[in-house]
Amino acid sequence: MVGEMAVKYSMDENNIEGSVAMRRIGRGSYQVETFLTPLSTVAKETKHLSPEFITDGNNITPAFENYARPLVGKLPVVGTFDEYRIG
């Protein structure tokens, strides 16, 4: 949902910069709407990922998996192109 809206916003030449955010609608069943918000409203909350959670430049460590597991559950296994290397 957020990714789809990011593409739509990026194709609108009137949207110079921003970040797609979600806002809950109503109090009944859980529903959200997306909107474009200025970077200044979200960038102050941005934190860089601790180096202890990064390995080989852009992979995650077991320490990150342990940190994230309560939030996201079991992470999927992601393949690499190395698996398809011939001889």
PDB file of N, CA and C in Angstrom:
ATOM      1  N   MET A   1       0.818  -1.178   0.000  1.00  0.00           N
ATOM      2  CA  MET A   1       0.000   0.000   0.000  1.00  0.00           C
ATOM      3  C   MET A   1       0.875   1.261   0.000  1.00  0.00           C
ATOM      4  N   VAL A   2       1.828   1.360   0.917  1.00  0.00           N
ATOM      5  CA  VAL A   2       2.687   2.535   0.999  1.00  0.00           C
ATOM      6  C   VAL A   2       3.595   2.598  -0.227  1.00  0.00           C
ATOM      7  N   GLY A   3       4.124   1.468  -0.655  1.00  0.00           N
ATOM      8  CA  GLY A   3       4.983   1.442  -1.835  1.00  0.00           C
ATOM      9  C   GLY A   3       4.241   1.877  -3.085  1.00  0.00           C
ATOM     10  N   GLU A   4       3.011   1.407  -3.238  1.00  0.00           N
ATOM     11  CA  GLU A   4       2.188   1.787  -4.390  1.00  0.00           C
ATOM     12  C   GLU A   4       1.939   3.296  -4.392  1.00  0.00           C
ATOM     13  N   MET A   5       1.622   3.843  -3.233  1.00  0.00           N
ATOM     14  CA  MET A   5       1.372   5.280  -3.147  1.00  0.00           C
ATOM     15  C   MET A   5       2.661   6.072  -3.390  1.00  0.00           C
ATOM     16  N   ALA A   6       3.793   5.549  -2.957  1.00  0.00           N
ATOM     17  CA  ALA A   6       5.067   6.232  -3.202  1.00  0.00           C
ATOM     18  C   ALA A   6       5.316   6.370  -4.697  1.00  0.00           C
ATOM     19  N   VAL A   7       5.009   5.322  -5.457  1.00  0.00           N
ATOM     20  CA  VAL A   7       5.170   5.387  -6.910  1.00  0.00           C
ATOM     21  C   VAL A   7       4.220   6.430  -7.484  1.00  0.00           C
ATOM     22  N   LYS A   8       2.970   6.416  -7.045  1.00  0.00           N
ATOM     23  CA  LYS A   8       2.002   7.397  -7.557  1.00  0.00           C
ATOM     24  C   LYS A   8       2.435   8.821  -7.238  1.00  0.00           C
ATOM     25  N   TYR A   9       2.860   9.061  -6.002  1.00  0.00           N
ATOM     26  CA  TYR A   9       3.313  10.402  -5.630  1.00  0.00           C
ATOM     27  C   TYR A   9       4.549  10.800  -6.441  1.00  0.00           C
ATOM     28  N   SER A  10       5.445   9.858  -6.692  1.00  0.00           N
ATOM     29  CA  SER A  10       6.679  10.187  -7.415  1.00  0.00           C
ATOM     30  C   SER A  10       6.405  10.557  -8.866  1.00  0.00           C
ATOM     31  N   MET A  11       5.289  10.111  -9.410  1.00  0.00           N
ATOM     32  CA  MET A  11       4.948  10.425 -10.795  1.00  0.00           C
ATOM     33  C   MET A  11       4.222  11.766 -10.913  1.00  0.00           C
ATOM     34  N   ASP A  12       3.842  12.368  -9.803  1.00  0.00           N
ATOM     35  CA  ASP A  12       3.154  13.657  -9.801  1.00  0.00           C
ATOM     36  C   ASP A  12       4.199  14.764  -9.688  1.00  0.00           C
ATOM     37  N   GLU A  13       4.358  15.552 -10.739  1.00  0.00           N
ATOM     38  CA  GLU A  13       5.412  16.576 -10.751  1.00  0.00           C
ATOM     39  C   GLU A  13       5.195  17.669  -9.715  1.00  0.00           C
ATOM     40  N   ASN A  14       4.011  17.765  -9.127  1.00  0.00           N
ATOM     41  CA  ASN A  14       3.752  18.760  -8.074  1.00  0.00           C
ATOM     42  C   ASN A  14       4.306  18.324  -6.719  1.00  0.00           C
ATOM     43  N   ASN A  15       4.600  17.045  -6.568  1.00  0.00           N
ATOM     44  CA  ASN A  15       5.161  16.529  -5.316  1.00  0.00           C
ATOM     45  C   ASN A  15       6.676  16.515  -5.439  1.00  0.00           C
ATOM     46  N   ILE A  16       7.312  17.544  -4.906  1.00  0.00           N
ATOM     47  CA  ILE A  16       8.757  17.684  -5.056  1.00  0.00           C
ATOM     48  C   ILE A  16       9.495  16.723  -4.131  1.00  0.00           C
ATOM     49  N   GLU A  17       9.080  16.648  -2.889  1.00  0.00           N
ATOM     50  CA  GLU A  17       9.715  15.719  -1.955  1.00  0.00           C
ATOM     51  C   GLU A  17       8.757  15.435  -0.818  1.00  0.00           C
ATOM     52  N   GLY A  18       9.004  14.350  -0.151  1.00  0.00           N
ATOM     53  CA  GLY A  18       8.179  13.983   0.985  1.00  0.00           C
ATOM     54  C   GLY A  18       8.298  12.503   1.258  1.00  0.00           C
ATOM     55  N   SER A  19       7.506  12.061   2.196  1.00  0.00           N
ATOM     56  CA  SER A  19       7.481  10.666   2.582  1.00  0.00           C
ATOM     57  C   SER A  19       6.028  10.236   2.711  1.00  0.00           C
ATOM     58  N   VAL A  20       5.738   9.037   2.281  1.00  0.00           N
ATOM     59  CA  VAL A  20       4.382   8.523   2.411  1.00  0.00           C
ATOM     60  C   VAL A  20       4.178   8.075   3.854  1.00  0.00           C
ATOM     61  N   ALA A  21       3.092   8.535   4.436  1.00  0.00           N
ATOM     62  CA  ALA A  21       2.767   8.170   5.814  1.00  0.00           C
ATOM     63  C   ALA A  21       1.362   7.584   5.855  1.00  0.00           C
ATOM     64  N   MET A  22       1.059   6.917   6.951  1.00  0.00           N
ATOM     65  CA  MET A  22      -0.278   6.356   7.144  1.00  0.00           C
ATOM     66  C   MET A  22      -0.922   7.005   8.359  1.00  0.00           C
ATOM     67  N   ARG A  23      -2.235   7.156   8.264  1.00  0.00           N
ATOM     68  CA  ARG A  23      -3.005   7.729   9.361  1.00  0.00           C
ATOM     69  C   ARG A  23      -4.240   6.850   9.546  1.00  0.00           C
ATOM     70  N   ARG A  24      -4.523   6.503  10.788  1.00  0.00           N
ATOM     71  CA  ARG A  24      -5.690   5.672  11.074  1.00  0.00           C
ATOM     72  C   ARG A  24      -6.966   6.461  10.827  1.00  0.00           C
ATOM     73  N   ILE A  25      -7.960   5.795  10.251  1.00  0.00           N
ATOM     74  CA  ILE A  25      -9.257   6.404   9.979  1.00  0.00           C
ATOM     75  C   ILE A  25     -10.271   5.842  10.977  1.00  0.00           C
ATOM     76  N   GLY A  26     -10.959   6.718  11.692  1.00  0.00           N
ATOM     77  CA  GLY A  26     -12.042   6.292  12.581  1.00  0.00           C
ATOM     78  C   GLY A  26     -11.593   5.483  13.770  1.00  0.00           C
ATOM     79  N   ARG A  27     -12.586   4.964  14.469  1.00  0.00           N
ATOM     80  CA  ARG A  27     -12.316   4.185  15.688  1.00  0.00           C
ATOM     81  C   ARG A  27     -12.792   2.746  15.584  1.00  0.00           C
ATOM     82  N   GLY A  28     -13.509   2.400  14.538  1.00  0.00           N
ATOM     83  CA  GLY A  28     -14.025   1.041  14.377  1.00  0.00           C
ATOM     84  C   GLY A  28     -12.943   0.084  13.937  1.00  0.00           C
ATOM     85  N   SER A  29     -13.242  -0.666  12.878  1.00  0.00           N
ATOM     86  CA  SER A  29     -12.253  -1.606  12.360  1.00  0.00           C
ATOM     87  C   SER A  29     -11.020  -0.834  11.902  1.00  0.00           C
ATOM     88  N   TYR A  30      -9.896  -1.485  11.962  1.00  0.00           N
ATOM     89  CA  TYR A  30      -8.634  -0.807  11.664  1.00  0.00           C
ATOM     90  C   TYR A  30      -8.547  -0.501  10.181  1.00  0.00           C
ATOM     91  N   GLN A  31      -8.532   0.771   9.842  1.00  0.00           N
ATOM     92  CA  GLN A  31      -8.360   1.233   8.471  1.00  0.00           C
ATOM     93  C   GLN A  31      -7.404   2.417   8.488  1.00  0.00           C
ATOM     94  N   VAL A  32      -6.634   2.546   7.416  1.00  0.00           N
ATOM     95  CA  VAL A  32      -5.703   3.663   7.315  1.00  0.00           C
ATOM     96  C   VAL A  32      -5.845   4.336   5.960  1.00  0.00           C
ATOM     97  N   GLU A  33      -5.383   5.574   5.912  1.00  0.00           N
ATOM     98  CA  GLU A  33      -5.251   6.280   4.652  1.00  0.00           C
ATOM     99  C   GLU A  33      -3.800   6.713   4.534  1.00  0.00           C
ATOM    100  N   THR A  34      -3.343   6.890   3.306  1.00  0.00           N
ATOM    101  CA  THR A  34      -1.978   7.353   3.098  1.00  0.00           C
ATOM    102  C   THR A  34      -1.998   8.832   2.721  1.00  0.00           C
ATOM    103  N   PHE A  35      -0.900   9.497   3.021  1.00  0.00           N
ATOM    104  CA  PHE A  35      -0.757  10.896   2.641  1.00  0.00           C
ATOM    105  C   PHE A  35       0.724  11.214   2.513  1.00  0.00           C
ATOM    106  N   LEU A  36       1.011  12.255   1.773  1.00  0.00           N
ATOM    107  CA  LEU A  36       2.390  12.697   1.603  1.00  0.00           C
ATOM    108  C   LEU A  36       2.692  13.747   2.660  1.00  0.00           C
ATOM    109  N   THR A  37       3.756  13.525   3.414  1.00  0.00           N
ATOM    110  CA  THR A  37       4.130  14.465   4.464  1.00  0.00           C
ATOM    111  C   THR A  37       5.542  14.987   4.198  1.00  0.00           C
ATOM    112  N   PRO A  38       5.820  16.235   4.527  1.00  0.00           N
ATOM    113  CA  PRO A  38       7.167  16.776   4.296  1.00  0.00           C
ATOM    114  C   PRO A  38       8.224  15.979   5.065  1.00  0.00           C
ATOM    115  N   LEU A  39       9.416  15.858   4.476  1.00  0.00           N
ATOM    116  CA  LEU A  39      10.490  15.119   5.135  1.00  0.00           C
ATOM    117  C   LEU A  39      10.810  15.678   6.515  1.00  0.00           C
ATOM    118  N   SER A  40      10.625  16.982   6.695  1.00  0.00           N
ATOM    119  CA  SER A  40      10.937  17.588   7.996  1.00  0.00           C
ATOM    120  C   SER A  40      10.055  17.034   9.115  1.00  0.00           C
ATOM    121  N   THR A  41       8.916  16.447   8.765  1.00  0.00           N
ATOM    122  CA  THR A  41       8.035  15.903   9.807  1.00  0.00           C
ATOM    123  C   THR A  41       8.402  14.478  10.195  1.00  0.00           C
ATOM    124  N   VAL A  42       9.261  13.839   9.405  1.00  0.00           N
ATOM    125  CA  VAL A  42       9.650  12.464   9.733  1.00  0.00           C
ATOM    126  C   VAL A  42      11.148  12.307   9.950  1.00  0.00           C
ATOM    127  N   ALA A  43      11.947  13.138   9.315  1.00  0.00           N
ATOM    128  CA  ALA A  43      13.402  12.963   9.373  1.00  0.00           C
ATOM    129  C   ALA A  43      13.941  13.115  10.787  1.00  0.00           C
ATOM    130  N   LYS A  44      13.296  13.936  11.611  1.00  0.00           N
ATOM    131  CA  LYS A  44      13.804  14.112  12.969  1.00  0.00           C
ATOM    132  C   LYS A  44      13.666  12.839  13.799  1.00  0.00           C
ATOM    133  N   GLU A  45      12.824  11.919  13.354  1.00  0.00           N
ATOM    134  CA  GLU A  45      12.618  10.651  14.061  1.00  0.00           C
ATOM    135  C   GLU A  45      13.470   9.525  13.493  1.00  0.00           C
ATOM    136  N   THR A  46      14.177   9.792  12.411  1.00  0.00           N
ATOM    137  CA  THR A  46      14.976   8.767  11.744  1.00  0.00           C
ATOM    138  C   THR A  46      16.210   8.426  12.570  1.00  0.00           C
ATOM    139  N   LYS A  47      16.465   7.127  12.721  1.00  0.00           N
ATOM    140  CA  LYS A  47      17.678   6.675  13.391  1.00  0.00           C
ATOM    141  C   LYS A  47      18.411   5.735  12.443  1.00  0.00           C
ATOM    142  N   HIS A  48      19.723   5.856  12.413  1.00  0.00           N
ATOM    143  CA  HIS A  48      20.520   4.952  11.595  1.00  0.00           C
ATOM    144  C   HIS A  48      20.614   3.599  12.296  1.00  0.00           C
ATOM    145  N   LEU A  49      20.664   2.550  11.502  1.00  0.00           N
ATOM    146  CA  LEU A  49      20.800   1.204  12.037  1.00  0.00           C
ATOM    147  C   LEU A  49      22.186   1.052  12.655  1.00  0.00           C
ATOM    148  N   SER A  50      22.225   0.534  13.854  1.00  0.00           N
ATOM    149  CA  SER A  50      23.477   0.351  14.565  1.00  0.00           C
ATOM    150  C   SER A  50      24.422  -0.555  13.767  1.00  0.00           C
ATOM    151  N   PRO A  51      25.707  -0.205  13.701  1.00  0.00           N
ATOM    152  CA  PRO A  51      26.667  -1.032  12.955  1.00  0.00           C
ATOM    153  C   PRO A  51      26.706  -2.487  13.428  1.00  0.00           C
ATOM    154  N   GLU A  52      26.339  -2.744  14.680  1.00  0.00           N
ATOM    155  CA  GLU A  52      26.347  -4.132  15.167  1.00  0.00           C
ATOM    156  C   GLU A  52      25.287  -4.986  14.465  1.00  0.00           C
ATOM    157  N   PHE A  53      24.341  -4.342  13.780  1.00  0.00           N
ATOM    158  CA  PHE A  53      23.276  -5.053  13.080  1.00  0.00           C
ATOM    159  C   PHE A  53      23.568  -5.243  11.592  1.00  0.00           C
ATOM    160  N   ILE A  54      24.717  -4.743  11.113  1.00  0.00           N
ATOM    161  CA  ILE A  54      25.029  -4.795   9.684  1.00  0.00           C
ATOM    162  C   ILE A  54      26.300  -5.610   9.470  1.00  0.00           C
ATOM    163  N   THR A  55      26.267  -6.450   8.438  1.00  0.00           N
ATOM    164  CA  THR A  55      27.445  -7.219   8.067  1.00  0.00           C
ATOM    165  C   THR A  55      27.591  -7.199   6.550  1.00  0.00           C
ATOM    166  N   ASP A  56      28.801  -7.274   6.068  1.00  0.00           N
ATOM    167  CA  ASP A  56      29.090  -7.315   4.629  1.00  0.00           C
ATOM    168  C   ASP A  56      28.459  -6.144   3.876  1.00  0.00           C
ATOM    169  N   GLY A  57      28.385  -4.986   4.512  1.00  0.00           N
ATOM    170  CA  GLY A  57      27.912  -3.793   3.822  1.00  0.00           C
ATOM    171  C   GLY A  57      26.417  -3.574   3.804  1.00  0.00           C
ATOM    172  N   ASN A  58      25.629  -4.647   3.567  1.00  0.00           N
ATOM    173  CA  ASN A  58      24.184  -4.444   3.484  1.00  0.00           C
ATOM    174  C   ASN A  58      23.356  -5.643   3.933  1.00  0.00           C
ATOM    175  N   ASN A  59      23.956  -6.550   4.652  1.00  0.00           N
ATOM    176  CA  ASN A  59      23.219  -7.683   5.203  1.00  0.00           C
ATOM    177  C   ASN A  59      22.999  -7.471   6.699  1.00  0.00           C
ATOM    178  N   ILE A  60      22.075  -8.219   7.259  1.00  0.00           N
ATOM    179  CA  ILE A  60      21.802  -8.091   8.689  1.00  0.00           C
ATOM    180  C   ILE A  60      22.467  -9.215   9.466  1.00  0.00           C
ATOM    181  N   THR A  61      22.746  -8.932  10.726  1.00  0.00           N
ATOM    182  CA  THR A  61      23.393  -9.906  11.601  1.00  0.00           C
ATOM    183  C   THR A  61      22.346 -10.658  12.421  1.00  0.00           C
ATOM    184  N   PRO A  62      22.748 -11.759  13.045  1.00  0.00           N
ATOM    185  CA  PRO A  62      21.844 -12.451  13.963  1.00  0.00           C
ATOM    186  C   PRO A  62      21.369 -11.537  15.103  1.00  0.00           C
ATOM    187  N   ALA A  63      22.201 -10.581  15.503  1.00  0.00           N
ATOM    188  CA  ALA A  63      21.790  -9.642  16.561  1.00  0.00           C
ATOM    189  C   ALA A  63      20.571  -8.837  16.116  1.00  0.00           C
ATOM    190  N   PHE A  64      20.524  -8.432  14.829  1.00  0.00           N
ATOM    191  CA  PHE A  64      19.356  -7.707  14.336  1.00  0.00           C
ATOM    192  C   PHE A  64      18.134  -8.615  14.296  1.00  0.00           C
ATOM    193  N   GLU A  65      18.332  -9.855  13.862  1.00  0.00           N
ATOM    194  CA  GLU A  65      17.212 -10.798  13.834  1.00  0.00           C
ATOM    195  C   GLU A  65      16.615 -10.952  15.230  1.00  0.00           C
ATOM    196  N   ASN A  66      17.461 -11.064  16.241  1.00  0.00           N
ATOM    197  CA  ASN A  66      16.973 -11.187  17.623  1.00  0.00           C
ATOM    198  C   ASN A  66      16.243  -9.929  18.066  1.00  0.00           C
ATOM    199  N   TYR A  67      16.735  -8.771  17.634  1.00  0.00           N
ATOM    200  CA  TYR A  67      16.101  -7.499  17.978  1.00  0.00           C
ATOM    201  C   TYR A  67      14.729  -7.366  17.302  1.00  0.00           C
ATOM    202  N   ALA A  68      14.658  -7.730  16.028  1.00  0.00           N
ATOM    203  CA  ALA A  68      13.439  -7.513  15.241  1.00  0.00           C
ATOM    204  C   ALA A  68      12.380  -8.597  15.431  1.00  0.00           C
ATOM    205  N   ARG A  69      12.783  -9.784  15.824  1.00  0.00           N
ATOM    206  CA  ARG A  69      11.838 -10.913  15.879  1.00  0.00           C
ATOM    207  C   ARG A  69      10.567 -10.619  16.669  1.00  0.00           C
ATOM    208  N   PRO A  70      10.622  -9.982  17.825  1.00  0.00           N
ATOM    209  CA  PRO A  70       9.367  -9.695  18.538  1.00  0.00           C
ATOM    210  C   PRO A  70       8.450  -8.744  17.766  1.00  0.00           C
ATOM    211  N   LEU A  71       9.021  -7.935  16.893  1.00  0.00           N
ATOM    212  CA  LEU A  71       8.228  -6.976  16.129  1.00  0.00           C
ATOM    213  C   LEU A  71       7.679  -7.562  14.836  1.00  0.00           C
ATOM    214  N   VAL A  72       8.464  -8.403  14.157  1.00  0.00           N
ATOM    215  CA  VAL A  72       8.088  -8.860  12.822  1.00  0.00           C
ATOM    216  C   VAL A  72       7.887 -10.363  12.709  1.00  0.00           C
ATOM    217  N   GLY A  73       8.216 -11.115  13.736  1.00  0.00           N
ATOM    218  CA  GLY A  73       8.108 -12.569  13.637  1.00  0.00           C
ATOM    219  C   GLY A  73       9.301 -13.148  12.896  1.00  0.00           C
ATOM    220  N   LYS A  74       9.137 -14.367  12.417  1.00  0.00           N
ATOM    221  CA  LYS A  74      10.225 -15.043  11.707  1.00  0.00           C
ATOM    222  C   LYS A  74      10.455 -14.364  10.361  1.00  0.00           C
ATOM    223  N   LEU A  75      11.711 -14.042  10.084  1.00  0.00           N
ATOM    224  CA  LEU A  75      12.055 -13.395   8.821  1.00  0.00           C
ATOM    225  C   LEU A  75      12.163 -14.440   7.705  1.00  0.00           C
ATOM    226  N   PRO A  76      11.776 -14.079   6.487  1.00  0.00           N
ATOM    227  CA  PRO A  76      11.878 -15.035   5.381  1.00  0.00           C
ATOM    228  C   PRO A  76      13.338 -15.253   4.991  1.00  0.00           C
ATOM    229  N   VAL A  77      13.614 -16.407   4.421  1.00  0.00           N
ATOM    230  CA  VAL A  77      14.943 -16.707   3.902  1.00  0.00           C
ATOM    231  C   VAL A  77      15.031 -16.074   2.519  1.00  0.00           C
ATOM    232  N   VAL A  78      16.061 -15.287   2.319  1.00  0.00           N
ATOM    233  CA  VAL A  78      16.234 -14.595   1.044  1.00  0.00           C
ATOM    234  C   VAL A  78      17.413 -15.207   0.313  1.00  0.00           C
ATOM    235  N   GLY A  79      17.222 -15.528  -0.956  1.00  0.00           N
ATOM    236  CA  GLY A  79      18.287 -16.123  -1.755  1.00  0.00           C
ATOM    237  C   GLY A  79      19.264 -15.086  -2.255  1.00  0.00           C
ATOM    238  N   THR A  80      20.339 -15.567  -2.860  1.00  0.00           N
ATOM    239  CA  THR A  80      21.341 -14.685  -3.455  1.00  0.00           C
ATOM    240  C   THR A  80      21.682 -15.210  -4.847  1.00  0.00           C
ATOM    241  N   PHE A  81      22.310 -14.378  -5.652  1.00  0.00           N
ATOM    242  CA  PHE A  81      22.734 -14.804  -6.975  1.00  0.00           C
ATOM    243  C   PHE A  81      23.865 -15.824  -6.888  1.00  0.00           C
ATOM    244  N   ASP A  82      24.568 -15.872  -5.759  1.00  0.00           N
ATOM    245  CA  ASP A  82      25.652 -16.844  -5.590  1.00  0.00           C
ATOM    246  C   ASP A  82      25.144 -18.269  -5.772  1.00  0.00           C
ATOM    247  N   GLU A  83      23.874 -18.501  -5.454  1.00  0.00           N
ATOM    248  CA  GLU A  83      23.301 -19.839  -5.568  1.00  0.00           C
ATOM    249  C   GLU A  83      23.260 -20.304  -7.019  1.00  0.00           C
ATOM    250  N   TYR A  84      23.274 -19.354  -7.952  1.00  0.00           N
ATOM    251  CA  TYR A  84      23.126 -19.686  -9.362  1.00  0.00           C
ATOM    252  C   TYR A  84      24.432 -19.613 -10.136  1.00  0.00           C
ATOM    253  N   ARG A  85      25.517 -19.363  -9.434  1.00  0.00           N
ATOM    254  CA  ARG A  85      26.821 -19.286 -10.069  1.00  0.00           C
ATOM    255  C   ARG A  85      27.214 -20.630 -10.648  1.00  0.00           C
ATOM    256  N   ILE A  86      27.707 -20.594 -11.872  1.00  0.00           N
ATOM    257  CA  ILE A  86      28.141 -21.832 -12.538  1.00  0.00           C
ATOM    258  C   ILE A  86      29.651 -21.945 -12.410  1.00  0.00           C
ATOM    259  N   GLY A  87      30.059 -23.090 -11.913  1.00  0.00           N
ATOM    260  CA  GLY A  87      31.375 -23.545 -11.789  1.00  0.00           C
ATOM    261  C   GLY A  87      32.501 -22.723 -11.549  1.00  0.00           C
TER     262      GLY A  87
END
